[in-house]
Amino acid sequence: MIRLLVTAGHGPAECRIAVVNTLAAMAREAETSGLGLDVATGNDPDGHGPASAIAVISGSGAELFAERWSGSIQWTSESPLRPLYKRKNWFVGVMALPDAPVSPVSLDLREVRFEAFRAGGPGGQQQNKTETAVRAVHVPSGLAAVARDGRSQHRNKAVALERLAMLLRISQEVAAIADQQAVHSSHGRLERGNPVRRFRGKEFAPL
C-alpha cells in the first residue's frame, strides 16, 4: 500500500482544479490496472478543489504506479476561471509519503452507507454477475472507500470499512501536511523540473 500526496502547493485556484483532475486521471489508470485507489482530501473553500489530497494505492503493482506518477504534473490550458489571464501552465506535485503510525479511529456504523455493485476486472473485463463489490460512504465527511477483490459481499464490506477507517485517519493529516514548508519547497522544485505527466485543455487530455 502506497500513499501519495497530491498538492497544489502555493499555486492559485487553477492548480487546485489540476489537483482534482490529476486525482481523476490517477483513478482511471488505477482501475485499468486493477489497482485500488482511495482518496482523502483537504478543505475545498470555494468549490474549485482542495489544495492537497492523499491518494492510497493498493494491490500488486502499486509501487510501479506510484513511480510513474511521482514528480511534477503539468497542465497546459487557458484558465477556466480567468479567461483573459496570460498564464497557461499550471503545476501539481505528487510525492510518496512515509507510512503513518497506526492509530485507532472511531467509526460509527450509523454514519456509514453501504452501496453494492458489480465488481469487474481490469478494464471492465470479467464482470461478475452478482453485486459483490462494496462502497462504504462516511456520510458526515463524504469520504468513500471501495472493496472489490473479495469473493463475497460480506468480505468486501469488511475490507471497505477498514479502508474507510484508514481514510478517516489520514484525512486528519492532509491539512497539516499542506502547511509544511517542506511540501511547498518540494512543489517549487518540481515546478522547475521536467514534468512526469503532461495534460492539456479543459478536458485534461494526456499528452
N, C-alpha and C. Protein backbone atom coordinates (compact mmCIF):
# COMPACT_ATOMS: atom_id res chain seq x y z
N MET A 1 0.84 -1.19 0.00
CA MET A 1 0.00 0.00 0.00
C MET A 1 0.88 1.25 0.00
N ILE A 2 0.65 2.12 -0.97
CA ILE A 2 1.47 3.32 -1.15
C ILE A 2 0.60 4.55 -0.96
N ARG A 3 1.15 5.54 -0.26
CA ARG A 3 0.43 6.79 -0.04
C ARG A 3 1.12 7.90 -0.83
N LEU A 4 0.33 8.61 -1.65
CA LEU A 4 0.86 9.70 -2.46
C LEU A 4 0.19 11.01 -2.06
N LEU A 5 1.00 12.02 -1.80
CA LEU A 5 0.48 13.35 -1.58
C LEU A 5 0.36 14.05 -2.92
N VAL A 6 -0.81 14.57 -3.21
CA VAL A 6 -1.05 15.35 -4.43
C VAL A 6 -1.33 16.78 -3.97
N THR A 7 -0.47 17.73 -4.35
CA THR A 7 -0.58 19.07 -3.78
C THR A 7 -0.42 20.16 -4.83
N ALA A 8 -1.19 21.23 -4.63
CA ALA A 8 -1.05 22.43 -5.45
C ALA A 8 -0.03 23.39 -4.86
N GLY A 9 0.53 23.06 -3.70
CA GLY A 9 1.48 23.94 -3.06
C GLY A 9 0.89 25.32 -2.83
N HIS A 10 1.63 26.35 -3.21
CA HIS A 10 1.15 27.73 -3.09
C HIS A 10 0.40 28.18 -4.34
N GLY A 11 0.12 27.26 -5.24
CA GLY A 11 -0.49 27.64 -6.51
C GLY A 11 -1.89 28.20 -6.36
N PRO A 12 -2.37 28.91 -7.39
CA PRO A 12 -3.70 29.52 -7.36
C PRO A 12 -4.80 28.48 -7.54
N ALA A 13 -6.04 28.95 -7.66
CA ALA A 13 -7.18 28.06 -7.77
C ALA A 13 -7.08 27.14 -8.98
N GLU A 14 -6.45 27.60 -10.05
CA GLU A 14 -6.28 26.75 -11.22
C GLU A 14 -5.47 25.50 -10.89
N CYS A 15 -4.49 25.64 -10.02
CA CYS A 15 -3.69 24.48 -9.61
C CYS A 15 -4.53 23.51 -8.78
N ARG A 16 -5.48 24.05 -8.02
CA ARG A 16 -6.36 23.17 -7.26
C ARG A 16 -7.31 22.42 -8.18
N ILE A 17 -7.73 23.07 -9.27
CA ILE A 17 -8.51 22.36 -10.28
C ILE A 17 -7.67 21.24 -10.88
N ALA A 18 -6.39 21.52 -11.09
CA ALA A 18 -5.48 20.50 -11.62
C ALA A 18 -5.33 19.33 -10.65
N VAL A 19 -5.37 19.61 -9.34
CA VAL A 19 -5.32 18.53 -8.34
C VAL A 19 -6.50 17.58 -8.53
N VAL A 20 -7.70 18.16 -8.67
CA VAL A 20 -8.90 17.34 -8.86
C VAL A 20 -8.79 16.51 -10.13
N ASN A 21 -8.34 17.13 -11.22
CA ASN A 21 -8.22 16.41 -12.48
C ASN A 21 -7.13 15.33 -12.43
N THR A 22 -6.05 15.63 -11.71
CA THR A 22 -4.98 14.64 -11.55
C THR A 22 -5.49 13.41 -10.79
N LEU A 23 -6.23 13.63 -9.73
CA LEU A 23 -6.79 12.51 -8.97
C LEU A 23 -7.73 11.68 -9.84
N ALA A 24 -8.53 12.34 -10.69
CA ALA A 24 -9.43 11.61 -11.58
C ALA A 24 -8.65 10.79 -12.59
N ALA A 25 -7.57 11.35 -13.14
CA ALA A 25 -6.74 10.61 -14.09
C ALA A 25 -6.06 9.43 -13.42
N MET A 26 -5.59 9.63 -12.19
CA MET A 26 -4.98 8.53 -11.44
C MET A 26 -6.00 7.42 -11.19
N ALA A 27 -7.22 7.80 -10.85
CA ALA A 27 -8.27 6.80 -10.58
C ALA A 27 -8.57 5.98 -11.82
N ARG A 28 -8.63 6.62 -12.99
CA ARG A 28 -8.89 5.88 -14.22
C ARG A 28 -7.78 4.90 -14.52
N GLU A 29 -6.53 5.34 -14.35
CA GLU A 29 -5.40 4.46 -14.62
C GLU A 29 -5.35 3.31 -13.61
N ALA A 30 -5.65 3.61 -12.35
CA ALA A 30 -5.65 2.55 -11.34
C ALA A 30 -6.70 1.50 -11.65
N GLU A 31 -7.88 1.93 -12.06
CA GLU A 31 -8.94 0.98 -12.38
C GLU A 31 -8.54 0.10 -13.57
N THR A 32 -7.95 0.71 -14.59
CA THR A 32 -7.49 -0.05 -15.75
C THR A 32 -6.42 -1.06 -15.37
N SER A 33 -5.60 -0.70 -14.38
CA SER A 33 -4.50 -1.58 -13.94
C SER A 33 -4.93 -2.58 -12.88
N GLY A 34 -6.19 -2.54 -12.48
CA GLY A 34 -6.66 -3.46 -11.45
C GLY A 34 -6.19 -3.11 -10.06
N LEU A 35 -5.90 -1.84 -9.81
CA LEU A 35 -5.43 -1.40 -8.50
C LEU A 35 -6.55 -0.69 -7.75
N GLY A 36 -6.45 -0.69 -6.43
CA GLY A 36 -7.37 0.07 -5.62
C GLY A 36 -6.81 1.46 -5.39
N LEU A 37 -7.68 2.47 -5.41
CA LEU A 37 -7.23 3.83 -5.14
C LEU A 37 -8.30 4.53 -4.31
N ASP A 38 -7.92 4.93 -3.10
CA ASP A 38 -8.80 5.67 -2.20
C ASP A 38 -8.19 7.04 -1.96
N VAL A 39 -9.04 8.03 -1.78
CA VAL A 39 -8.57 9.41 -1.68
C VAL A 39 -9.17 10.10 -0.46
N ALA A 40 -8.33 10.80 0.27
CA ALA A 40 -8.77 11.71 1.34
C ALA A 40 -8.31 13.10 0.95
N THR A 41 -9.22 14.07 0.96
CA THR A 41 -8.89 15.41 0.51
C THR A 41 -8.94 16.42 1.64
N GLY A 42 -8.24 17.53 1.42
CA GLY A 42 -8.30 18.63 2.36
C GLY A 42 -9.52 19.49 2.10
N ASN A 43 -9.56 20.65 2.72
CA ASN A 43 -10.70 21.56 2.59
C ASN A 43 -10.80 22.11 1.16
N ASP A 44 -12.03 22.32 0.72
CA ASP A 44 -12.31 22.90 -0.59
C ASP A 44 -13.08 24.20 -0.34
N PRO A 45 -12.38 25.32 -0.15
CA PRO A 45 -13.03 26.53 0.34
C PRO A 45 -13.99 27.19 -0.65
N ASP A 46 -13.77 27.00 -1.95
CA ASP A 46 -14.58 27.71 -2.93
C ASP A 46 -15.15 26.82 -4.03
N GLY A 47 -15.04 25.50 -3.88
CA GLY A 47 -15.59 24.58 -4.86
C GLY A 47 -14.68 24.30 -6.04
N HIS A 48 -13.47 24.87 -6.04
CA HIS A 48 -12.54 24.63 -7.14
C HIS A 48 -11.62 23.44 -6.88
N GLY A 49 -11.65 22.91 -5.65
CA GLY A 49 -10.83 21.77 -5.33
C GLY A 49 -9.95 22.03 -4.12
N PRO A 50 -9.45 20.96 -3.51
CA PRO A 50 -8.57 21.12 -2.35
C PRO A 50 -7.15 21.45 -2.76
N ALA A 51 -6.41 22.07 -1.85
CA ALA A 51 -5.00 22.35 -2.11
C ALA A 51 -4.17 21.08 -2.04
N SER A 52 -4.62 20.10 -1.27
CA SER A 52 -3.88 18.86 -1.10
C SER A 52 -4.83 17.69 -0.93
N ALA A 53 -4.34 16.52 -1.28
CA ALA A 53 -5.08 15.28 -1.09
C ALA A 53 -4.07 14.15 -0.92
N ILE A 54 -4.51 13.09 -0.28
CA ILE A 54 -3.69 11.89 -0.15
C ILE A 54 -4.39 10.75 -0.88
N ALA A 55 -3.69 10.16 -1.84
CA ALA A 55 -4.21 9.01 -2.57
C ALA A 55 -3.52 7.75 -2.05
N VAL A 56 -4.30 6.74 -1.72
CA VAL A 56 -3.77 5.48 -1.21
C VAL A 56 -3.96 4.42 -2.29
N ILE A 57 -2.85 3.88 -2.79
CA ILE A 57 -2.89 2.89 -3.86
C ILE A 57 -2.58 1.53 -3.27
N SER A 58 -3.41 0.55 -3.60
CA SER A 58 -3.21 -0.80 -3.09
C SER A 58 -3.32 -1.81 -4.22
N GLY A 59 -2.66 -2.94 -4.01
CA GLY A 59 -2.69 -4.00 -5.00
C GLY A 59 -1.33 -4.25 -5.61
N SER A 60 -1.22 -5.36 -6.35
CA SER A 60 0.04 -5.69 -7.00
C SER A 60 0.36 -4.68 -8.09
N GLY A 61 1.52 -4.08 -8.00
CA GLY A 61 1.90 -3.05 -8.96
C GLY A 61 1.73 -1.64 -8.44
N ALA A 62 1.36 -1.50 -7.16
CA ALA A 62 1.17 -0.17 -6.58
C ALA A 62 2.46 0.64 -6.59
N GLU A 63 3.60 -0.02 -6.35
CA GLU A 63 4.88 0.69 -6.32
C GLU A 63 5.21 1.27 -7.69
N LEU A 64 4.99 0.47 -8.74
CA LEU A 64 5.28 0.95 -10.09
C LEU A 64 4.34 2.09 -10.47
N PHE A 65 3.09 1.97 -10.07
CA PHE A 65 2.11 3.04 -10.32
C PHE A 65 2.58 4.33 -9.68
N ALA A 66 3.02 4.25 -8.42
CA ALA A 66 3.48 5.43 -7.70
C ALA A 66 4.69 6.05 -8.37
N GLU A 67 5.60 5.22 -8.86
CA GLU A 67 6.80 5.73 -9.53
C GLU A 67 6.42 6.50 -10.80
N ARG A 68 5.42 6.00 -11.52
CA ARG A 68 5.02 6.65 -12.77
C ARG A 68 4.39 8.02 -12.53
N TRP A 69 3.81 8.22 -11.35
CA TRP A 69 3.11 9.47 -11.08
C TRP A 69 3.91 10.44 -10.23
N SER A 70 4.95 9.97 -9.57
CA SER A 70 5.69 10.84 -8.64
C SER A 70 6.51 11.87 -9.40
N GLY A 71 6.32 13.12 -9.04
CA GLY A 71 7.03 14.22 -9.69
C GLY A 71 6.09 15.37 -9.94
N SER A 72 6.38 16.12 -10.99
CA SER A 72 5.59 17.29 -11.35
C SER A 72 4.58 16.93 -12.44
N ILE A 73 3.35 17.37 -12.27
CA ILE A 73 2.29 17.20 -13.26
C ILE A 73 2.01 18.57 -13.87
N GLN A 74 2.12 18.68 -15.19
CA GLN A 74 1.90 19.96 -15.87
C GLN A 74 0.58 19.93 -16.64
N TRP A 75 -0.21 20.95 -16.41
CA TRP A 75 -1.48 21.11 -17.12
C TRP A 75 -1.40 22.40 -17.93
N THR A 76 -1.49 22.28 -19.24
CA THR A 76 -1.44 23.44 -20.13
C THR A 76 -2.84 23.75 -20.62
N SER A 77 -3.36 24.90 -20.20
CA SER A 77 -4.73 25.25 -20.54
C SER A 77 -4.97 26.72 -20.22
N GLU A 78 -5.86 27.34 -20.98
CA GLU A 78 -6.33 28.66 -20.58
C GLU A 78 -7.06 28.51 -19.24
N SER A 79 -6.96 29.52 -18.42
CA SER A 79 -7.61 29.46 -17.11
C SER A 79 -9.13 29.36 -17.27
N PRO A 80 -9.74 28.35 -16.63
CA PRO A 80 -11.20 28.27 -16.66
C PRO A 80 -11.87 29.30 -15.77
N LEU A 81 -11.07 30.00 -14.98
CA LEU A 81 -11.60 30.99 -14.04
C LEU A 81 -11.33 32.42 -14.49
N ARG A 82 -10.22 32.61 -15.22
CA ARG A 82 -9.82 33.95 -15.67
C ARG A 82 -9.47 33.89 -17.16
N PRO A 83 -10.48 34.00 -18.03
CA PRO A 83 -10.29 33.79 -19.47
C PRO A 83 -9.23 34.68 -20.10
N LEU A 84 -9.00 35.87 -19.59
CA LEU A 84 -8.04 36.79 -20.18
C LEU A 84 -6.65 36.68 -19.56
N TYR A 85 -6.50 35.77 -18.62
CA TYR A 85 -5.22 35.63 -17.93
C TYR A 85 -4.20 34.99 -18.88
N LYS A 86 -2.99 35.53 -18.93
CA LYS A 86 -2.00 35.06 -19.90
C LYS A 86 -1.37 33.72 -19.52
N ARG A 87 -1.29 33.43 -18.24
CA ARG A 87 -0.64 32.19 -17.82
C ARG A 87 -1.44 30.98 -18.28
N LYS A 88 -0.74 29.98 -18.83
CA LYS A 88 -1.41 28.78 -19.33
C LYS A 88 -0.84 27.48 -18.77
N ASN A 89 0.24 27.56 -18.01
CA ASN A 89 0.85 26.36 -17.44
C ASN A 89 0.63 26.32 -15.94
N TRP A 90 0.04 25.21 -15.47
CA TRP A 90 -0.28 25.04 -14.06
C TRP A 90 0.36 23.73 -13.60
N PHE A 91 0.84 23.72 -12.36
CA PHE A 91 1.61 22.58 -11.89
C PHE A 91 1.05 21.99 -10.60
N VAL A 92 1.18 20.68 -10.50
CA VAL A 92 0.79 19.91 -9.31
C VAL A 92 1.97 19.03 -8.94
N GLY A 93 2.22 18.89 -7.66
CA GLY A 93 3.27 18.00 -7.19
C GLY A 93 2.70 16.71 -6.65
N VAL A 94 3.33 15.59 -6.99
CA VAL A 94 2.94 14.27 -6.47
C VAL A 94 4.17 13.64 -5.84
N MET A 95 4.06 13.25 -4.59
CA MET A 95 5.21 12.67 -3.90
C MET A 95 4.76 11.60 -2.90
N ALA A 96 5.59 10.59 -2.74
CA ALA A 96 5.29 9.49 -1.82
C ALA A 96 5.44 9.97 -0.39
N LEU A 97 4.55 9.49 0.48
CA LEU A 97 4.61 9.79 1.90
C LEU A 97 5.05 8.55 2.67
N PRO A 98 5.77 8.75 3.77
CA PRO A 98 6.12 7.60 4.61
C PRO A 98 4.88 7.01 5.25
N ASP A 99 4.97 5.75 5.64
CA ASP A 99 3.86 5.10 6.31
C ASP A 99 3.56 5.82 7.61
N ALA A 100 2.28 6.04 7.86
CA ALA A 100 1.87 6.71 9.09
C ALA A 100 1.70 5.68 10.20
N PRO A 101 1.98 6.07 11.44
CA PRO A 101 1.73 5.16 12.55
C PRO A 101 0.25 4.81 12.64
N VAL A 102 -0.02 3.56 12.94
CA VAL A 102 -1.41 3.11 13.03
C VAL A 102 -2.03 3.63 14.32
N SER A 103 -3.15 4.32 14.21
CA SER A 103 -3.86 4.80 15.39
C SER A 103 -5.33 4.52 15.21
N PRO A 104 -6.03 4.14 16.26
CA PRO A 104 -7.44 3.77 16.13
C PRO A 104 -8.31 4.96 15.76
N VAL A 105 -9.34 4.69 14.96
CA VAL A 105 -10.31 5.71 14.58
C VAL A 105 -11.69 5.20 14.94
N SER A 106 -12.44 6.04 15.62
CA SER A 106 -13.80 5.66 15.99
C SER A 106 -14.71 5.82 14.79
N LEU A 107 -15.32 4.73 14.36
CA LEU A 107 -16.19 4.73 13.19
C LEU A 107 -17.58 4.28 13.61
N ASP A 108 -18.52 5.20 13.57
CA ASP A 108 -19.90 4.91 13.94
C ASP A 108 -20.61 4.33 12.73
N LEU A 109 -21.01 3.06 12.80
CA LEU A 109 -21.64 2.41 11.66
C LEU A 109 -22.95 3.08 11.27
N ARG A 110 -23.54 3.80 12.18
CA ARG A 110 -24.79 4.52 11.85
C ARG A 110 -24.51 5.66 10.88
N GLU A 111 -23.26 6.06 10.76
CA GLU A 111 -22.89 7.15 9.86
C GLU A 111 -22.31 6.64 8.54
N VAL A 112 -22.39 5.32 8.34
CA VAL A 112 -21.82 4.71 7.14
C VAL A 112 -22.94 4.16 6.25
N ARG A 113 -22.88 4.50 4.98
CA ARG A 113 -23.83 3.98 4.00
C ARG A 113 -23.10 3.00 3.09
N PHE A 114 -23.68 1.82 2.88
CA PHE A 114 -23.07 0.80 2.03
C PHE A 114 -23.81 0.74 0.69
N GLU A 115 -23.03 0.63 -0.37
CA GLU A 115 -23.59 0.51 -1.72
C GLU A 115 -22.94 -0.69 -2.39
N ALA A 116 -23.74 -1.61 -2.87
CA ALA A 116 -23.22 -2.80 -3.55
C ALA A 116 -23.31 -2.61 -5.06
N PHE A 117 -22.30 -3.11 -5.77
CA PHE A 117 -22.31 -3.03 -7.23
C PHE A 117 -21.49 -4.19 -7.79
N ARG A 118 -21.56 -4.37 -9.06
CA ARG A 118 -20.86 -5.49 -9.70
C ARG A 118 -19.37 -5.18 -9.82
N ALA A 119 -18.56 -6.13 -9.41
CA ALA A 119 -17.12 -5.98 -9.49
C ALA A 119 -16.65 -6.43 -10.86
N GLY A 120 -15.69 -5.70 -11.41
CA GLY A 120 -15.14 -6.05 -12.71
C GLY A 120 -13.64 -6.16 -12.65
N GLY A 121 -13.08 -6.86 -13.62
CA GLY A 121 -11.63 -6.98 -13.71
C GLY A 121 -11.03 -5.76 -14.35
N PRO A 122 -9.70 -5.74 -14.57
CA PRO A 122 -9.05 -4.60 -15.18
C PRO A 122 -9.68 -4.26 -16.52
N GLY A 123 -9.95 -2.96 -16.72
CA GLY A 123 -10.52 -2.52 -17.97
C GLY A 123 -11.98 -2.87 -18.12
N GLY A 124 -12.64 -3.24 -17.03
CA GLY A 124 -14.05 -3.56 -17.10
C GLY A 124 -14.34 -4.97 -17.60
N GLN A 125 -13.31 -5.80 -17.71
CA GLN A 125 -13.50 -7.16 -18.19
C GLN A 125 -13.89 -8.09 -17.06
N GLN A 126 -14.30 -9.28 -17.42
CA GLN A 126 -14.61 -10.33 -16.45
C GLN A 126 -15.61 -9.85 -15.41
N GLN A 127 -16.70 -9.26 -15.88
CA GLN A 127 -17.70 -8.75 -14.97
C GLN A 127 -18.40 -9.88 -14.22
N ASN A 128 -18.57 -9.70 -12.92
CA ASN A 128 -19.31 -10.67 -12.11
C ASN A 128 -20.80 -10.48 -12.32
N LYS A 129 -21.55 -11.56 -12.20
CA LYS A 129 -22.99 -11.49 -12.36
C LYS A 129 -23.69 -11.05 -11.09
N THR A 130 -23.00 -11.11 -9.96
CA THR A 130 -23.59 -10.70 -8.69
C THR A 130 -22.90 -9.45 -8.18
N GLU A 131 -23.59 -8.70 -7.37
CA GLU A 131 -23.07 -7.44 -6.85
C GLU A 131 -22.25 -7.70 -5.59
N THR A 132 -20.99 -8.10 -5.80
CA THR A 132 -20.14 -8.44 -4.66
C THR A 132 -19.28 -7.26 -4.20
N ALA A 133 -19.01 -6.31 -5.07
CA ALA A 133 -18.21 -5.16 -4.67
C ALA A 133 -19.02 -4.24 -3.76
N VAL A 134 -18.31 -3.56 -2.87
CA VAL A 134 -18.99 -2.72 -1.88
C VAL A 134 -18.29 -1.36 -1.79
N ARG A 135 -19.10 -0.32 -1.76
CA ARG A 135 -18.61 1.03 -1.49
C ARG A 135 -19.15 1.46 -0.13
N ALA A 136 -18.24 1.85 0.76
CA ALA A 136 -18.63 2.34 2.08
C ALA A 136 -18.46 3.85 2.10
N VAL A 137 -19.52 4.57 2.40
CA VAL A 137 -19.50 6.03 2.39
C VAL A 137 -19.71 6.54 3.81
N HIS A 138 -18.77 7.38 4.27
CA HIS A 138 -18.91 8.03 5.56
C HIS A 138 -19.72 9.30 5.33
N VAL A 139 -20.98 9.30 5.70
CA VAL A 139 -21.91 10.37 5.33
C VAL A 139 -21.47 11.74 5.84
N PRO A 140 -21.03 11.89 7.09
CA PRO A 140 -20.66 13.23 7.57
C PRO A 140 -19.52 13.87 6.80
N SER A 141 -18.52 13.09 6.39
CA SER A 141 -17.35 13.66 5.72
C SER A 141 -17.42 13.52 4.21
N GLY A 142 -18.22 12.59 3.71
CA GLY A 142 -18.28 12.34 2.28
C GLY A 142 -17.19 11.42 1.78
N LEU A 143 -16.30 10.97 2.67
CA LEU A 143 -15.26 10.03 2.27
C LEU A 143 -15.87 8.70 1.88
N ALA A 144 -15.26 8.04 0.90
CA ALA A 144 -15.78 6.75 0.45
C ALA A 144 -14.62 5.81 0.14
N ALA A 145 -14.81 4.54 0.43
CA ALA A 145 -13.82 3.51 0.14
C ALA A 145 -14.50 2.35 -0.55
N VAL A 146 -13.78 1.73 -1.48
CA VAL A 146 -14.34 0.64 -2.28
C VAL A 146 -13.51 -0.62 -2.07
N ALA A 147 -14.18 -1.75 -1.98
CA ALA A 147 -13.52 -3.06 -1.94
C ALA A 147 -14.20 -3.95 -2.96
N ARG A 148 -13.39 -4.58 -3.82
CA ARG A 148 -13.96 -5.40 -4.88
C ARG A 148 -13.23 -6.73 -5.07
N ASP A 149 -12.16 -6.97 -4.29
CA ASP A 149 -11.33 -8.14 -4.53
C ASP A 149 -11.83 -9.41 -3.85
N GLY A 150 -12.63 -9.26 -2.80
CA GLY A 150 -13.12 -10.45 -2.09
C GLY A 150 -14.16 -11.21 -2.91
N ARG A 151 -14.33 -12.47 -2.57
CA ARG A 151 -15.27 -13.31 -3.31
C ARG A 151 -16.71 -13.12 -2.85
N SER A 152 -16.89 -12.49 -1.71
CA SER A 152 -18.25 -12.31 -1.20
C SER A 152 -18.48 -10.86 -0.83
N GLN A 153 -19.75 -10.47 -0.83
CA GLN A 153 -20.10 -9.12 -0.44
C GLN A 153 -19.76 -8.88 1.03
N HIS A 154 -19.91 -9.92 1.85
CA HIS A 154 -19.61 -9.79 3.28
C HIS A 154 -18.14 -9.45 3.49
N ARG A 155 -17.25 -10.14 2.77
CA ARG A 155 -15.82 -9.88 2.92
C ARG A 155 -15.47 -8.49 2.41
N ASN A 156 -16.03 -8.10 1.27
CA ASN A 156 -15.74 -6.78 0.73
C ASN A 156 -16.27 -5.67 1.63
N LYS A 157 -17.38 -5.93 2.32
CA LYS A 157 -17.92 -4.94 3.25
C LYS A 157 -16.93 -4.69 4.38
N ALA A 158 -16.36 -5.77 4.90
CA ALA A 158 -15.39 -5.64 5.99
C ALA A 158 -14.14 -4.90 5.52
N VAL A 159 -13.67 -5.22 4.31
CA VAL A 159 -12.47 -4.56 3.78
C VAL A 159 -12.75 -3.08 3.52
N ALA A 160 -13.93 -2.78 2.97
CA ALA A 160 -14.29 -1.39 2.71
C ALA A 160 -14.33 -0.58 4.00
N LEU A 161 -14.81 -1.19 5.07
CA LEU A 161 -14.83 -0.50 6.37
C LEU A 161 -13.41 -0.21 6.85
N GLU A 162 -12.51 -1.19 6.68
CA GLU A 162 -11.12 -0.99 7.09
C GLU A 162 -10.50 0.17 6.31
N ARG A 163 -10.75 0.20 5.01
CA ARG A 163 -10.18 1.27 4.19
C ARG A 163 -10.80 2.62 4.54
N LEU A 164 -12.08 2.62 4.86
CA LEU A 164 -12.73 3.87 5.23
C LEU A 164 -12.15 4.42 6.53
N ALA A 165 -11.92 3.54 7.49
CA ALA A 165 -11.31 3.97 8.74
C ALA A 165 -9.92 4.54 8.50
N MET A 166 -9.18 3.92 7.56
CA MET A 166 -7.85 4.41 7.21
C MET A 166 -7.96 5.80 6.59
N LEU A 167 -8.94 6.01 5.70
CA LEU A 167 -9.11 7.31 5.07
C LEU A 167 -9.46 8.38 6.10
N LEU A 168 -10.31 8.03 7.05
CA LEU A 168 -10.65 8.98 8.10
C LEU A 168 -9.42 9.38 8.90
N ARG A 169 -8.56 8.39 9.13
CA ARG A 169 -7.34 8.69 9.89
C ARG A 169 -6.41 9.59 9.09
N ILE A 170 -6.17 9.29 7.83
CA ILE A 170 -5.21 10.08 7.07
C ILE A 170 -5.79 11.43 6.65
N SER A 171 -7.13 11.53 6.62
CA SER A 171 -7.72 12.83 6.28
C SER A 171 -7.32 13.88 7.31
N GLN A 172 -7.02 13.43 8.52
CA GLN A 172 -6.58 14.34 9.57
C GLN A 172 -5.17 14.86 9.30
N GLU A 173 -4.43 14.14 8.44
CA GLU A 173 -3.07 14.55 8.12
C GLU A 173 -3.01 15.61 7.04
N VAL A 174 -4.03 15.65 6.18
CA VAL A 174 -3.93 16.43 4.96
C VAL A 174 -3.66 17.89 5.23
N ALA A 175 -4.44 18.51 6.10
CA ALA A 175 -4.28 19.93 6.37
C ALA A 175 -2.89 20.24 6.94
N ALA A 176 -2.44 19.38 7.86
CA ALA A 176 -1.13 19.60 8.47
C ALA A 176 -0.02 19.45 7.44
N ILE A 177 -0.15 18.44 6.57
CA ILE A 177 0.87 18.22 5.55
C ILE A 177 0.91 19.39 4.58
N ALA A 178 -0.25 19.91 4.22
CA ALA A 178 -0.31 21.01 3.26
C ALA A 178 0.38 22.25 3.78
N ASP A 179 0.46 22.41 5.10
CA ASP A 179 1.07 23.59 5.69
C ASP A 179 2.57 23.44 5.92
N GLN A 180 3.11 22.26 5.68
CA GLN A 180 4.52 22.05 5.95
C GLN A 180 5.36 22.77 4.90
N GLN A 181 6.37 23.47 5.36
CA GLN A 181 7.23 24.22 4.44
C GLN A 181 7.92 23.29 3.46
N ALA A 182 8.26 22.08 3.91
CA ALA A 182 8.97 21.15 3.04
C ALA A 182 8.13 20.80 1.82
N VAL A 183 6.83 20.69 2.02
CA VAL A 183 5.94 20.37 0.90
C VAL A 183 5.95 21.51 -0.11
N HIS A 184 5.84 22.75 0.37
CA HIS A 184 5.83 23.89 -0.54
C HIS A 184 7.16 24.01 -1.27
N SER A 185 8.25 23.77 -0.56
CA SER A 185 9.56 23.85 -1.20
C SER A 185 9.70 22.77 -2.26
N SER A 186 9.22 21.57 -1.95
CA SER A 186 9.28 20.49 -2.93
C SER A 186 8.45 20.83 -4.15
N HIS A 187 7.30 21.44 -3.93
CA HIS A 187 6.44 21.84 -5.05
C HIS A 187 7.18 22.82 -5.96
N GLY A 188 7.89 23.77 -5.36
CA GLY A 188 8.63 24.73 -6.16
C GLY A 188 9.72 24.07 -6.98
N ARG A 189 10.42 23.10 -6.39
CA ARG A 189 11.47 22.41 -7.13
C ARG A 189 10.88 21.58 -8.26
N LEU A 190 9.77 20.93 -8.00
CA LEU A 190 9.14 20.12 -9.02
C LEU A 190 8.69 20.97 -10.20
N GLU A 191 8.19 22.15 -9.91
CA GLU A 191 7.68 23.03 -10.95
C GLU A 191 8.77 23.41 -11.94
N ARG A 192 10.00 23.51 -11.48
CA ARG A 192 11.09 23.91 -12.35
C ARG A 192 11.70 22.71 -13.06
N GLY A 193 11.36 21.50 -12.64
CA GLY A 193 11.92 20.32 -13.26
C GLY A 193 11.10 19.84 -14.44
N ASN A 194 11.50 18.72 -14.96
CA ASN A 194 10.76 18.12 -16.08
C ASN A 194 9.55 17.38 -15.55
N PRO A 195 8.35 17.72 -16.02
CA PRO A 195 7.15 17.03 -15.54
C PRO A 195 7.12 15.57 -15.97
N VAL A 196 6.60 14.73 -15.10
CA VAL A 196 6.48 13.30 -15.43
C VAL A 196 5.22 13.02 -16.22
N ARG A 197 4.24 13.90 -16.12
CA ARG A 197 2.99 13.79 -16.87
C ARG A 197 2.59 15.17 -17.37
N ARG A 198 2.06 15.21 -18.60
CA ARG A 198 1.55 16.45 -19.16
C ARG A 198 0.12 16.26 -19.62
N PHE A 199 -0.70 17.24 -19.36
CA PHE A 199 -2.10 17.23 -19.81
C PHE A 199 -2.40 18.60 -20.42
N ARG A 200 -3.42 18.65 -21.25
CA ARG A 200 -3.76 19.93 -21.87
C ARG A 200 -5.26 20.08 -22.01
N GLY A 201 -5.69 21.34 -22.10
CA GLY A 201 -7.08 21.67 -22.35
C GLY A 201 -7.97 21.47 -21.15
N LYS A 202 -9.17 22.04 -21.26
CA LYS A 202 -10.12 21.93 -20.16
C LYS A 202 -10.57 20.48 -19.93
N GLU A 203 -10.41 19.64 -20.96
CA GLU A 203 -10.77 18.22 -20.81
C GLU A 203 -9.65 17.42 -20.15
N PHE A 204 -8.51 18.06 -19.86
CA PHE A 204 -7.39 17.41 -19.18
C PHE A 204 -6.91 16.18 -19.96
N ALA A 205 -6.70 16.37 -21.25
CA ALA A 205 -6.29 15.25 -22.12
C ALA A 205 -4.79 15.00 -21.96
N PRO A 206 -4.38 13.75 -21.84
CA PRO A 206 -2.95 13.44 -21.69
C PRO A 206 -2.19 13.71 -22.97
N LEU A 207 -0.94 14.14 -22.81
CA LEU A 207 -0.06 14.38 -23.96
C LEU A 207 0.92 13.22 -24.12
